[in-house]
Amino acid sequence: FEVHPYSRWASPAGQRLLGTLHRDAGDAADDRTY
């Protein structure tokens, strides 16, 4: 409940930034998004 998702590489701050990318990566409309 407190520290999920667990990551071997990303710190909690890094995981928060990755969370925004996960939301933006759902639509592979262009090469960058893909």
Full PDB file with SEQRES, HELIX, SHEET, SSBOND, CRYST1, ORIGX, SCALE, CONECT and MASTER records, all heavy atoms in Angstrom:
SEQRES   1 A   34  PHE GLU VAL HIS PRO TYR SER ARG TRP ALA SER PRO ALA          
SEQRES   2 A   34  GLY GLN ARG LEU LEU GLY THR LEU HIS ARG ASP ALA GLY          
SEQRES   3 A   34  ASP ALA ALA ASP ASP ARG THR TYR                              
HELIX    1 AA1 PRO A   12  ASP A   24  1                                  13    
CRYST1    1.000    1.000    1.000  90.00  90.00  90.00 P 1           1          
ORIGX1      1.000000  0.000000  0.000000        0.00000                         
ORIGX2      0.000000  1.000000  0.000000        0.00000                         
ORIGX3      0.000000  0.000000  1.000000        0.00000                         
SCALE1      1.000000  0.000000  0.000000        0.00000                         
SCALE2      0.000000  1.000000  0.000000        0.00000                         
SCALE3      0.000000  0.000000  1.000000        0.00000                         
ATOM      1  N   PHE A   1       0.807  -1.213   0.000  1.00  0.00           N  
ATOM      2  CA  PHE A   1       0.000   0.000   0.000  1.00  0.00           C  
ATOM      3  C   PHE A   1       0.847   1.274   0.000  1.00  0.00           C  
ATOM      4  O   PHE A   1       0.442   2.291  -0.559  1.00  0.00           O  
ATOM      5  CB  PHE A   1      -0.935   0.013   1.219  1.00  0.00           C  
ATOM      6  CG  PHE A   1      -2.094  -0.913   1.092  1.00  0.00           C  
ATOM      7  CD1 PHE A   1      -2.113  -2.129   1.759  1.00  0.00           C  
ATOM      8  CD2 PHE A   1      -3.182  -0.585   0.295  1.00  0.00           C  
ATOM      9  CE1 PHE A   1      -3.184  -3.000   1.633  1.00  0.00           C  
ATOM     10  CE2 PHE A   1      -4.266  -1.441   0.168  1.00  0.00           C  
ATOM     11  CZ  PHE A   1      -4.266  -2.658   0.845  1.00  0.00           C  
ATOM     12  N   GLU A   2       2.038   1.225   0.621  1.00  0.00           N  
ATOM     13  CA  GLU A   2       2.813   2.442   0.829  1.00  0.00           C  
ATOM     14  C   GLU A   2       3.858   2.705  -0.246  1.00  0.00           C  
ATOM     15  O   GLU A   2       4.088   3.861  -0.611  1.00  0.00           O  
ATOM     16  CB  GLU A   2       3.499   2.387   2.200  1.00  0.00           C  
ATOM     17  CG  GLU A   2       2.536   2.367   3.372  1.00  0.00           C  
ATOM     18  CD  GLU A   2       1.761   3.661   3.492  1.00  0.00           C  
ATOM     19  OE1 GLU A   2       2.251   4.709   3.040  1.00  0.00           O  
ATOM     20  OE2 GLU A   2       0.637   3.614   4.045  1.00  0.00           O  
ATOM     21  N   VAL A   3       4.545   1.663  -0.728  1.00  0.00           N  
ATOM     22  CA  VAL A   3       5.682   1.893  -1.636  1.00  0.00           C  
ATOM     23  C   VAL A   3       5.531   1.145  -2.949  1.00  0.00           C  
ATOM     24  O   VAL A   3       6.484   1.027  -3.711  1.00  0.00           O  
ATOM     25  CB  VAL A   3       7.016   1.491  -0.966  1.00  0.00           C  
ATOM     26  CG1 VAL A   3       7.321   2.400   0.196  1.00  0.00           C  
ATOM     27  CG2 VAL A   3       6.989   0.023  -0.518  1.00  0.00           C  
ATOM     28  N   HIS A   4       4.358   0.619  -3.265  1.00  0.00           N  
ATOM     29  CA  HIS A   4       4.149  -0.043  -4.550  1.00  0.00           C  
ATOM     30  C   HIS A   4       3.910   1.017  -5.635  1.00  0.00           C  
ATOM     31  O   HIS A   4       3.269   2.025  -5.360  1.00  0.00           O  
ATOM     32  CB  HIS A   4       2.939  -0.983  -4.450  1.00  0.00           C  
ATOM     33  CG  HIS A   4       2.782  -1.897  -5.617  1.00  0.00           C  
ATOM     34  ND1 HIS A   4       1.991  -1.572  -6.698  1.00  0.00           N  
ATOM     35  CD2 HIS A   4       3.320  -3.108  -5.881  1.00  0.00           C  
ATOM     36  CE1 HIS A   4       2.038  -2.550  -7.578  1.00  0.00           C  
ATOM     37  NE2 HIS A   4       2.836  -3.494  -7.108  1.00  0.00           N  
ATOM     38  N   PRO A   5       4.385   0.889  -6.861  1.00  0.00           N  
ATOM     39  CA  PRO A   5       5.083  -0.277  -7.402  1.00  0.00           C  
ATOM     40  C   PRO A   5       6.559  -0.306  -6.995  1.00  0.00           C  
ATOM     41  O   PRO A   5       7.178   0.739  -6.809  1.00  0.00           O  
ATOM     42  CB  PRO A   5       4.944  -0.088  -8.921  1.00  0.00           C  
ATOM     43  CG  PRO A   5       4.869   1.391  -9.093  1.00  0.00           C  
ATOM     44  CD  PRO A   5       4.116   1.911  -7.884  1.00  0.00           C  
ATOM     45  N   TYR A   6       7.089  -1.505  -6.860  1.00  0.00           N  
ATOM     46  CA  TYR A   6       8.482  -1.671  -6.492  1.00  0.00           C  
ATOM     47  C   TYR A   6       9.352  -1.560  -7.749  1.00  0.00           C  
ATOM     48  O   TYR A   6       8.989  -2.047  -8.801  1.00  0.00           O  
ATOM     49  CB  TYR A   6       8.712  -3.035  -5.834  1.00  0.00           C  
ATOM     50  CG  TYR A   6       7.625  -3.442  -4.876  1.00  0.00           C  
ATOM     51  CD1 TYR A   6       6.929  -4.630  -5.049  1.00  0.00           C  
ATOM     52  CD2 TYR A   6       7.276  -2.626  -3.804  1.00  0.00           C  
ATOM     53  CE1 TYR A   6       5.925  -5.008  -4.180  1.00  0.00           C  
ATOM     54  CE2 TYR A   6       6.267  -2.994  -2.929  1.00  0.00           C  
ATOM     55  CZ  TYR A   6       5.597  -4.184  -3.121  1.00  0.00           C  
ATOM     56  OH  TYR A   6       4.596  -4.543  -2.263  1.00  0.00           O  
ATOM     57  N   SER A   7      10.476  -0.925  -7.613  1.00  0.00           N  
ATOM     58  CA  SER A   7      11.357  -0.750  -8.764  1.00  0.00           C  
ATOM     59  C   SER A   7      12.794  -1.003  -8.347  1.00  0.00           C  
ATOM     60  O   SER A   7      13.239  -0.522  -7.302  1.00  0.00           O  
ATOM     61  CB  SER A   7      11.229   0.673  -9.335  1.00  0.00           C  
ATOM     62  OG  SER A   7      12.173   0.884 -10.363  1.00  0.00           O  
ATOM     63  N   ARG A   8      13.496  -1.756  -9.183  1.00  0.00           N  
ATOM     64  CA  ARG A   8      14.917  -1.994  -8.926  1.00  0.00           C  
ATOM     65  C   ARG A   8      15.754  -0.794  -9.318  1.00  0.00           C  
ATOM     66  O   ARG A   8      16.852  -0.608  -8.800  1.00  0.00           O  
ATOM     67  CB  ARG A   8      15.362  -3.229  -9.710  1.00  0.00           C  
ATOM     68  CG  ARG A   8      16.832  -3.560  -9.554  1.00  0.00           C  
ATOM     69  CD  ARG A   8      17.228  -4.747 -10.403  1.00  0.00           C  
ATOM     70  NE  ARG A   8      18.649  -4.995 -10.329  1.00  0.00           N  
ATOM     71  CZ  ARG A   8      19.295  -5.908 -11.047  1.00  0.00           C  
ATOM     72  NH1 ARG A   8      18.620  -6.666 -11.899  1.00  0.00           N  
ATOM     73  NH2 ARG A   8      20.597  -6.065 -10.940  1.00  0.00           N  
ATOM     74  N   TRP A   9      15.225   0.018 -10.239  1.00  0.00           N  
ATOM     75  CA  TRP A   9      16.051   1.088 -10.813  1.00  0.00           C  
ATOM     76  C   TRP A   9      15.601   2.484 -10.389  1.00  0.00           C  
ATOM     77  O   TRP A   9      16.438   3.353 -10.165  1.00  0.00           O  
ATOM     78  CB  TRP A   9      16.026   0.994 -12.348  1.00  0.00           C  
ATOM     79  CG  TRP A   9      16.349  -0.368 -12.855  1.00  0.00           C  
ATOM     80  CD1 TRP A   9      15.468  -1.302 -13.327  1.00  0.00           C  
ATOM     81  CD2 TRP A   9      17.640  -0.990 -12.911  1.00  0.00           C  
ATOM     82  NE1 TRP A   9      16.121  -2.442 -13.682  1.00  0.00           N  
ATOM     83  CE2 TRP A   9      17.460  -2.283 -13.445  1.00  0.00           C  
ATOM     84  CE3 TRP A   9      18.929  -0.573 -12.577  1.00  0.00           C  
ATOM     85  CZ2 TRP A   9      18.515  -3.167 -13.642  1.00  0.00           C  
ATOM     86  CZ3 TRP A   9      19.980  -1.448 -12.768  1.00  0.00           C  
ATOM     87  CH2 TRP A   9      19.768  -2.720 -13.298  1.00  0.00           C  
ATOM     88  N   ALA A  10      14.303   2.729 -10.324  1.00  0.00           N  
ATOM     89  CA  ALA A  10      13.802   4.080 -10.085  1.00  0.00           C  
ATOM     90  C   ALA A  10      13.567   4.338  -8.603  1.00  0.00           C  
ATOM     91  O   ALA A  10      13.060   3.477  -7.883  1.00  0.00           O  
ATOM     92  CB  ALA A  10      12.501   4.310 -10.856  1.00  0.00           C  
ATOM     93  N   SER A  11      13.934   5.541  -8.158  1.00  0.00           N  
ATOM     94  CA  SER A  11      13.594   5.988  -6.812  1.00  0.00           C  
ATOM     95  C   SER A  11      12.118   6.366  -6.791  1.00  0.00           C  
ATOM     96  O   SER A  11      11.467   6.421  -7.839  1.00  0.00           O  
ATOM     97  CB  SER A  11      14.462   7.189  -6.436  1.00  0.00           C  
ATOM     98  OG  SER A  11      14.076   8.320  -7.209  1.00  0.00           O  
ATOM     99  N   PRO A  12      11.544   6.651  -5.614  1.00  0.00           N  
ATOM    100  CA  PRO A  12      10.139   7.096  -5.594  1.00  0.00           C  
ATOM    101  C   PRO A  12       9.887   8.311  -6.479  1.00  0.00           C  
ATOM    102  O   PRO A  12       8.845   8.381  -7.141  1.00  0.00           O  
ATOM    103  CB  PRO A  12       9.909   7.411  -4.113  1.00  0.00           C  
ATOM    104  CG  PRO A  12      10.825   6.468  -3.389  1.00  0.00           C  
ATOM    105  CD  PRO A  12      12.060   6.389  -4.243  1.00  0.00           C  
ATOM    106  N   ALA A  13      10.836   9.265  -6.514  1.00  0.00           N  
ATOM    107  CA  ALA A  13      10.661  10.428  -7.390  1.00  0.00           C  
ATOM    108  C   ALA A  13      10.690  10.012  -8.852  1.00  0.00           C  
ATOM    109  O   ALA A  13       9.912  10.511  -9.674  1.00  0.00           O  
ATOM    110  CB  ALA A  13      11.753  11.457  -7.107  1.00  0.00           C  
ATOM    111  N   GLY A  14      11.595   9.088  -9.191  1.00  0.00           N  
ATOM    112  CA  GLY A  14      11.649   8.593 -10.558  1.00  0.00           C  
ATOM    113  C   GLY A  14      10.384   7.853 -10.943  1.00  0.00           C  
ATOM    114  O   GLY A  14       9.911   7.951 -12.082  1.00  0.00           O  
ATOM    115  N   GLN A  15       9.811   7.106 -10.016  1.00  0.00           N  
ATOM    116  CA  GLN A  15       8.572   6.382 -10.296  1.00  0.00           C  
ATOM    117  C   GLN A  15       7.418   7.343 -10.558  1.00  0.00           C  
ATOM    118  O   GLN A  15       6.540   7.061 -11.384  1.00  0.00           O  
ATOM    119  CB  GLN A  15       8.239   5.459  -9.129  1.00  0.00           C  
ATOM    120  CG  GLN A  15       9.196   4.285  -8.990  1.00  0.00           C  
ATOM    121  CD  GLN A  15       8.817   3.365  -7.842  1.00  0.00           C  
ATOM    122  OE1 GLN A  15       7.694   2.913  -7.742  1.00  0.00           O  
ATOM    123  NE2 GLN A  15       9.757   3.101  -6.959  1.00  0.00           N  
ATOM    124  N   ARG A  16       7.409   8.479  -9.864  1.00  0.00           N  
ATOM    125  CA  ARG A  16       6.342   9.451 -10.109  1.00  0.00           C  
ATOM    126  C   ARG A  16       6.444  10.024 -11.519  1.00  0.00           C  
ATOM    127  O   ARG A  16       5.428  10.214 -12.203  1.00  0.00           O  
ATOM    128  CB  ARG A  16       6.393  10.560  -9.057  1.00  0.00           C  
ATOM    129  CG  ARG A  16       5.862  10.137  -7.700  1.00  0.00           C  
ATOM    130  CD  ARG A  16       5.525  11.345  -6.853  1.00  0.00           C  
ATOM    131  NE  ARG A  16       6.719  12.112  -6.533  1.00  0.00           N  
ATOM    132  CZ  ARG A  16       7.488  11.894  -5.470  1.00  0.00           C  
ATOM    133  NH1 ARG A  16       7.176  10.915  -4.635  1.00  0.00           N  
ATOM    134  NH2 ARG A  16       8.550  12.630  -5.227  1.00  0.00           N  
ATOM    135  N   LEU A  17       7.667  10.313 -11.965  1.00  0.00           N  
ATOM    136  CA  LEU A  17       7.840  10.802 -13.336  1.00  0.00           C  
ATOM    137  C   LEU A  17       7.460   9.734 -14.345  1.00  0.00           C  
ATOM    138  O   LEU A  17       6.862  10.019 -15.380  1.00  0.00           O  
ATOM    139  CB  LEU A  17       9.294  11.244 -13.556  1.00  0.00           C  
ATOM    140  CG  LEU A  17       9.703  12.582 -12.946  1.00  0.00           C  
ATOM    141  CD1 LEU A  17      11.158  12.878 -13.252  1.00  0.00           C  
ATOM    142  CD2 LEU A  17       8.817  13.706 -13.464  1.00  0.00           C  
ATOM    143  N   LEU A  18       7.806   8.481 -14.050  1.00  0.00           N  
ATOM    144  CA  LEU A  18       7.426   7.392 -14.945  1.00  0.00           C  
ATOM    145  C   LEU A  18       5.911   7.238 -15.020  1.00  0.00           C  
ATOM    146  O   LEU A  18       5.371   6.834 -16.049  1.00  0.00           O  
ATOM    147  CB  LEU A  18       8.062   6.081 -14.484  1.00  0.00           C  
ATOM    148  CG  LEU A  18       9.552   5.898 -14.775  1.00  0.00           C  
ATOM    149  CD1 LEU A  18      10.030   4.573 -14.194  1.00  0.00           C  
ATOM    150  CD2 LEU A  18       9.829   5.960 -16.263  1.00  0.00           C  
ATOM    151  N   GLY A  19       5.228   7.547 -13.907  1.00  0.00           N  
ATOM    152  CA  GLY A  19       3.777   7.444 -13.908  1.00  0.00           C  
ATOM    153  C   GLY A  19       3.140   8.351 -14.945  1.00  0.00           C  
ATOM    154  O   GLY A  19       2.170   7.971 -15.602  1.00  0.00           O  
ATOM    155  N   THR A  20       3.692   9.537 -15.135  1.00  0.00           N  
ATOM    156  CA  THR A  20       3.157  10.437 -16.164  1.00  0.00           C  
ATOM    157  C   THR A  20       3.440   9.886 -17.556  1.00  0.00           C  
ATOM    158  O   THR A  20       2.621  10.029 -18.467  1.00  0.00           O  
ATOM    159  CB  THR A  20       3.772  11.832 -16.024  1.00  0.00           C  
ATOM    160  OG1 THR A  20       5.201  11.761 -16.236  1.00  0.00           O  
ATOM    161  CG2 THR A  20       3.513  12.394 -14.631  1.00  0.00           C  
ATOM    162  N   LEU A  21       4.586   9.230 -17.733  1.00  0.00           N  
ATOM    163  CA  LEU A  21       4.902   8.647 -19.036  1.00  0.00           C  
ATOM    164  C   LEU A  21       4.007   7.462 -19.342  1.00  0.00           C  
ATOM    165  O   LEU A  21       3.621   7.245 -20.488  1.00  0.00           O  
ATOM    166  CB  LEU A  21       6.370   8.212 -19.079  1.00  0.00           C  
ATOM    167  CG  LEU A  21       7.413   9.339 -19.067  1.00  0.00           C  
ATOM    168  CD1 LEU A  21       8.815   8.751 -19.101  1.00  0.00           C  
ATOM    169  CD2 LEU A  21       7.203  10.274 -20.250  1.00  0.00           C  
ATOM    170  N   HIS A  22       3.672   6.669 -18.327  1.00  0.00           N  
ATOM    171  CA  HIS A  22       2.766   5.537 -18.530  1.00  0.00           C  
ATOM    172  C   HIS A  22       1.420   6.019 -19.060  1.00  0.00           C  
ATOM    173  O   HIS A  22       0.820   5.379 -19.928  1.00  0.00           O  
ATOM    174  CB  HIS A  22       2.561   4.779 -17.220  1.00  0.00           C  
ATOM    175  CG  HIS A  22       3.617   3.758 -16.956  1.00  0.00           C  
ATOM    176  ND1 HIS A  22       3.633   2.543 -17.592  1.00  0.00           N  
ATOM    177  CD2 HIS A  22       4.696   3.769 -16.122  1.00  0.00           C  
ATOM    178  CE1 HIS A  22       4.678   1.835 -17.177  1.00  0.00           C  
ATOM    179  NE2 HIS A  22       5.326   2.555 -16.288  1.00  0.00           N  
ATOM    180  N   ARG A  23       0.955   7.147 -18.554  1.00  0.00           N  
ATOM    181  CA  ARG A  23      -0.331   7.665 -19.030  1.00  0.00           C  
ATOM    182  C   ARG A  23      -0.227   8.199 -20.451  1.00  0.00           C  
ATOM    183  O   ARG A  23      -1.154   8.065 -21.248  1.00  0.00           O  
ATOM    184  CB  ARG A  23      -0.823   8.776 -18.085  1.00  0.00           C  
ATOM    185  CG  ARG A  23      -1.212   8.275 -16.712  1.00  0.00           C  
ATOM    186  CD  ARG A  23      -1.928   9.353 -15.939  1.00  0.00           C  
ATOM    187  NE  ARG A  23      -1.067  10.499 -15.655  1.00  0.00           N  
ATOM    188  CZ  ARG A  23      -0.325  10.607 -14.562  1.00  0.00           C  
ATOM    189  NH1 ARG A  23      -0.317   9.621 -13.669  1.00  0.00           N  
ATOM    190  NH2 ARG A  23       0.422  11.671 -14.353  1.00  0.00           N  
ATOM    191  N   ASP A  24       0.929   8.790 -20.778  1.00  0.00           N  
ATOM    192  CA  ASP A  24       1.094   9.383 -22.103  1.00  0.00           C  
ATOM    193  C   ASP A  24       1.455   8.364 -23.165  1.00  0.00           C  
ATOM    194  O   ASP A  24       1.373   8.657 -24.361  1.00  0.00           O  
ATOM    195  CB  ASP A  24       2.190  10.463 -22.064  1.00  0.00           C  
ATOM    196  CG  ASP A  24       1.819  11.624 -21.150  1.00  0.00           C  
ATOM    197  OD1 ASP A  24       0.600  11.781 -20.901  1.00  0.00           O  
ATOM    198  OD2 ASP A  24       2.720  12.340 -20.684  1.00  0.00           O  
ATOM    199  N   ALA A  25       1.888   7.157 -22.744  1.00  0.00           N  
ATOM    200  CA  ALA A  25       2.364   6.175 -23.711  1.00  0.00           C  
ATOM    201  C   ALA A  25       1.269   5.237 -24.192  1.00  0.00           C  
ATOM    202  O   ALA A  25       1.542   4.265 -24.883  1.00  0.00           O  
ATOM    203  CB  ALA A  25       3.490   5.339 -23.084  1.00  0.00           C  
ATOM    204  N   GLY A  26       0.032   5.529 -23.881  1.00  0.00           N  
ATOM    205  CA  GLY A  26      -1.026   4.615 -24.268  1.00  0.00           C  
ATOM    206  C   GLY A  26      -1.355   4.657 -25.748  1.00  0.00           C  
ATOM    207  O   GLY A  26      -1.779   3.662 -26.325  1.00  0.00           O  
ATOM    208  N   ASP A  27      -1.151   5.786 -26.393  1.00  0.00           N  
ATOM    209  CA  ASP A  27      -1.511   5.928 -27.801  1.00  0.00           C  
ATOM    210  C   ASP A  27      -0.252   6.128 -28.615  1.00  0.00           C  
ATOM    211  O   ASP A  27       0.406   7.156 -28.522  1.00  0.00           O  
ATOM    212  CB  ASP A  27      -2.457   7.126 -27.970  1.00  0.00           C  
ATOM    213  CG  ASP A  27      -2.870   7.311 -29.425  1.00  0.00           C  
ATOM    214  OD1 ASP A  27      -2.737   6.332 -30.197  1.00  0.00           O  
ATOM    215  OD2 ASP A  27      -3.323   8.424 -29.770  1.00  0.00           O  
ATOM    216  N   ALA A  28       0.099   5.131 -29.422  1.00  0.00           N  
ATOM    217  CA  ALA A  28       1.326   5.188 -30.219  1.00  0.00           C  
ATOM    218  C   ALA A  28       1.048   5.881 -31.559  1.00  0.00           C  
ATOM    219  O   ALA A  28       1.192   5.304 -32.638  1.00  0.00           O  
ATOM    220  CB  ALA A  28       1.881   3.784 -30.443  1.00  0.00           C  
ATOM    221  N   ALA A  29       0.584   7.126 -31.504  1.00  0.00           N  
ATOM    222  CA  ALA A  29       0.208   7.833 -32.719  1.00  0.00           C  
ATOM    223  C   ALA A  29       1.421   8.346 -33.478  1.00  0.00           C  
ATOM    224  O   ALA A  29       1.361   8.537 -34.685  1.00  0.00           O  
ATOM    225  CB  ALA A  29      -0.732   8.995 -32.366  1.00  0.00           C  
ATOM    226  N   ASP A  30       2.520   8.627 -32.839  1.00  0.00           N  
ATOM    227  CA  ASP A  30       3.714   9.114 -33.513  1.00  0.00           C  
ATOM    228  C   ASP A  30       4.918   8.337 -33.018  1.00  0.00           C  
ATOM    229  O   ASP A  30       4.826   7.551 -32.076  1.00  0.00           O  
ATOM    230  CB  ASP A  30       3.891  10.622 -33.265  1.00  0.00           C  
ATOM    231  CG  ASP A  30       3.930  10.946 -31.779  1.00  0.00           C  
ATOM    232  OD1 ASP A  30       4.931  10.590 -31.118  1.00  0.00           O  
ATOM    233  OD2 ASP A  30       2.962  11.543 -31.269  1.00  0.00           O  
ATOM    234  N   ASP A  31       6.052   8.571 -33.684  1.00  0.00           N  
ATOM    235  CA  ASP A  31       7.245   7.792 -33.390  1.00  0.00           C  
ATOM    236  C   ASP A  31       7.733   8.024 -31.969  1.00  0.00           C  
ATOM    237  O   ASP A  31       8.143   7.079 -31.281  1.00  0.00           O  
ATOM    238  CB  ASP A  31       8.350   8.147 -34.397  1.00  0.00           C  
ATOM    239  CG  ASP A  31       9.473   7.134 -34.388  1.00  0.00           C  
ATOM    240  OD1 ASP A  31       9.211   5.953 -34.676  1.00  0.00           O  
ATOM    241  OD2 ASP A  31      10.625   7.518 -34.073  1.00  0.00           O  
ATOM    242  N   ARG A  32       7.698   9.252 -31.499  1.00  0.00           N  
ATOM    243  CA  ARG A  32       8.156   9.572 -30.159  1.00  0.00           C  
ATOM    244  C   ARG A  32       7.297   8.856 -29.109  1.00  0.00           C  
ATOM    245  O   ARG A  32       7.816   8.256 -28.155  1.00  0.00           O  
ATOM    246  CB  ARG A  32       8.115  11.087 -29.928  1.00  0.00           C  
ATOM    247  CG  ARG A  32       8.370  11.523 -28.490  1.00  0.00           C  
ATOM    248  CD  ARG A  32       9.796  11.313 -28.090  1.00  0.00           C  
ATOM    249  NE  ARG A  32      10.016  11.637 -26.687  1.00  0.00           N  
ATOM    250  CZ  ARG A  32      11.199  11.639 -26.097  1.00  0.00           C  
ATOM    251  NH1 ARG A  32      12.275  11.326 -26.782  1.00  0.00           N  
ATOM    252  NH2 ARG A  32      11.318  11.938 -24.821  1.00  0.00           N  
ATOM    253  N   THR A  33       5.980   8.894 -29.290  1.00  0.00           N  
ATOM    254  CA  THR A  33       5.088   8.229 -28.346  1.00  0.00           C  
ATOM    255  C   THR A  33       5.285   6.720 -28.384  1.00  0.00           C  
ATOM    256  O   THR A  33       5.258   6.047 -27.353  1.00  0.00           O  
ATOM    257  CB  THR A  33       3.622   8.574 -28.659  1.00  0.00           C  
ATOM    258  OG1 THR A  33       3.465   9.990 -28.647  1.00  0.00           O  
ATOM    259  CG2 THR A  33       2.692   7.959 -27.638  1.00  0.00           C  
ATOM    260  N   TYR A  34       5.491   6.203 -29.585  1.00  0.00           N  
ATOM    261  CA  TYR A  34       5.711   4.764 -29.732  1.00  0.00           C  
ATOM    262  C   TYR A  34       6.973   4.329 -28.989  1.00  0.00           C  
ATOM    263  O   TYR A  34       6.969   3.338 -28.251  1.00  0.00           O  
ATOM    264  CB  TYR A  34       5.825   4.416 -31.213  1.00  0.00           C  
ATOM    265  CG  TYR A  34       6.133   2.969 -31.493  1.00  0.00           C  
ATOM    266  CD1 TYR A  34       5.116   2.033 -31.593  1.00  0.00           C  
ATOM    267  CD2 TYR A  34       7.443   2.541 -31.652  1.00  0.00           C  
ATOM    268  CE1 TYR A  34       5.388   0.701 -31.850  1.00  0.00           C  
ATOM    269  CE2 TYR A  34       7.730   1.216 -31.901  1.00  0.00           C  
ATOM    270  CZ  TYR A  34       6.707   0.303 -32.006  1.00  0.00           C  
ATOM    271  OH  TYR A  34       6.995  -1.014 -32.244  1.00  0.00           O  
TER     272      TYR A  34                                                      
MASTER        0    0    0    1    0    0    0    6  271    1    0    3          
END                                                                             
